[in-house]
Amino acid sequence: MGITSRMAPTGDASARKREIEDKLKQEQETLSFIRENMEKSDQLTNGMVSILSSFESRLMQLENSIIPVHKQTENLQRLQENVDKTLSCMDHVISYYHVAKDTDRIIREGPTGRLDEYLACIAKIQKAVEYFQDNNPDSPELNTVKARFEKGKELLEVEFRSLLTRYSKPVPPILILDAITVDEDLEVQEDVVLEHLPEAVLQDVICIAGWLVEYGRNQDFMNVYFQIRSNQLDRSIKGLKDHFRKNSASSGILYSPAVPTKRKDTPTKKAPKRPVYIPGHDHDLRVKHPSDALTEKHGPAAGKDDVLDIEIDSYIHCITAFVKLAQSEYLLLAEIIPEHHQKKTFDSLIQEALDNLMLEGDNIVSAARRAIMRHDYSAVLTIFPILRHLKMNKSEFDTTLQGTAASTKNKLPTLITSMETIGAKALEEFADSIKNDPDKEYNMPKDGTVHELTSNAILFLQQLLDFHETAGAMLASQVLGDTYNIPLDPRETSSSASSYTSEFNKRLLSSYICKVLGNLQLNLLSKSKVYEDSALSAIFLHNNYNYILKSLEKSELIQLVTVTQKKAESSYRELIEQQIQMYQRSWLKVTEHLADRNMPVFQPGTKLKDKERQVIKDKFKVSPESLPQNHTFFQQTFTKSCKDPHCLLPWKPRVLTRAKFEFAQRVTLASSNAAH
């Protein structure tokens, strides 16, 4: 048992030994394999090193042989490029020497119809000029191309002028009327486009103008532009004037842009007016009858007034047309002329048309001044519609002329001032002439009817009523309120017309009318003293006062008068009543004839003698010598001129009726006593 236990560990050791030996053997075999592989790797490495060394050696040899060739090729390529560039430059330079010849035909034929091609040729010539100036300024070719360039530029300027001249036409009058007329039926007015040049032509003109500014370095074309367009603007306005006169003369229809109207369907006809003359001066036209004063024209005066109306409306239309056309011209000019030259060119462009309009306005003022010197105060009425229209359009006028010279912008205000001055002078002289009209017997109506001075004065004031705002502003621009005893608002102490309010102007005009009526009343009172018969004097004053009152009420002048004279109407009625009473007193001669002191003494119970009967009969026979003068005419005129029954009392006075009745009663009583 002990032996067995010793043998067991010995067997285990042997097995472990064998196991270790087997592992050792495997490791030795692996080591041998690794050694063999390392030897092979070393062999391969040595071989590769040898190959690479050989390749490097050969590559170095190749590089040493290729680099010189490459450098030579590179030099050759550089030389080739230089040659090509030189040839190109030579060709370019040579082309400059041929520019004059190559462009000769196109330049000679001009730019008409081929502007782009022509401008391309001009560009070539310009480059040639720059080349010779920089590289060969003494070359004769420089002079040649310079001359060709100047010729080309000259032909461009000619083409610019030609296009503007050929295609610039006056705007047709009908188109202008459509542009300036306001259609009341439309809430938004249609803008009428005024096409001054066809679109294609406009683009050519813009292109030429742009080239002349950038390359031509010449501003002469701007002068050409404003001269041509200025002429067309003036012709457009003159054409409108001729068209308007011709059509107004043939149709009698006058259109006024000062009043919004529908031109084709709703023309406005001006109210007729006739000259207002002051009696006592030498005139050809006289008032025929008071009833004709406001409604009729007679003889040559009517035709003269029609022509004057046409001239006024024509001028008003031309003012409006000028503003519209000037605005359109500026829009066209802005596309063609450089911005920094636009205002100056526009100023020159509008001068001719504006000067003609201002000259025509000055002629109207001068004509009015001459007429006023002749005491023809109706001339001032021609100024009112024009002045009103000028003031209405002044703001738009100023906007249109913004940026022009001060002398240009001041032309319209100067004309307005002249019209206000002459108008105010006419109004003042008219008022003075009413006051100072001489009392001449030959100039007095023999029958005591309305005096010519009265009808002329009322007619003038009625015509003034249509322009009450303008007349008030006209007076305000020339005089201060204290002239007519009107208190000024502390905020309104400036002497300029614009500082006066509308209410002040209305009060000022009302005071002026009251002044005229006051002067007229004083003059009529003075004239009435020319009559030797007090009855005829009363008839004269009654007729004139009654005519004044009825005319004031009929024409609504009374509303304007009552602005400053609240009791004007009642005052005239009192004056009329005074003349009626004065006329009644003229019948006292008749009533005295029927008084008791002139009656025979009747004895009660006795029969009337033939002599006494004849006396009684004679009492009822009123002799013509005892009646007031013009009794019959007074009956007729009062019956016609006054519809109020109260006005009939003077020619059928109560005092006469009462005296006859009392006389008849006395005679009847005496006769009855005698019968008993």
Foldseek 3Di string as FASTA:
>chain_A
DVVVVVVVVVVVVVVVVVVVVVVVVVVVVVVVVVVVVVVVVVVVVVVVVVVVVVVVVVVVVVVVVCVVVVVVVVVVVVVVVVVVVVVVVVVVLVVLLCLLVVCVVVLVVAPPPPVPVLVVSLVSLVVSLVVCVVPPVPDPSNVSSVVSNVSSLVSLLVVLLVLLQVQFAAFALVLLCLQLAAAPVDPDRDHRADDRGPPVSLVSLQVSLVCCVPPVVDDVSLVSVLVSLLVSLQVNLVNNLVVLLVVCVVPVFFAASVDHDDVPPDTDHDQDAFWQAFPPADDDDFDPALVCLRHDDDDPRRVVRSSLVSVLRSLRSSVSSLLVVLLSVLVSQPSRHDPVCSLVSSLSNNVVNLVVSLVVLVVLLVVCLVCVVSRRLCSLLSLLVVLSSLVVCLVSVLVSNPSHDPVSNCSSVVSSLSSLVSSLVSLVVLLVSLLPRDQDPVQADPLLAAHRSLSSLLSVVLSCVVRQQSNLLSNQLPDPPVVLDDDDDPQQPDNHSVSDDSLNSLLSSLSSSVSSVVSNLNVLLVNLVVDPFQLSSLSNQLNSLLSNLVSCVVSVVVVSNCSPPVCPNVVSVVSNVVSLVSLQVLLVLLLVLLDPVNQDDFDFQAADDPVNVVSLVVNVVDDPVSHGPSLVVSQVCQVPRDPPPVSNCSSVPPSNVVSVVVSVVVVVVSNVRNVD
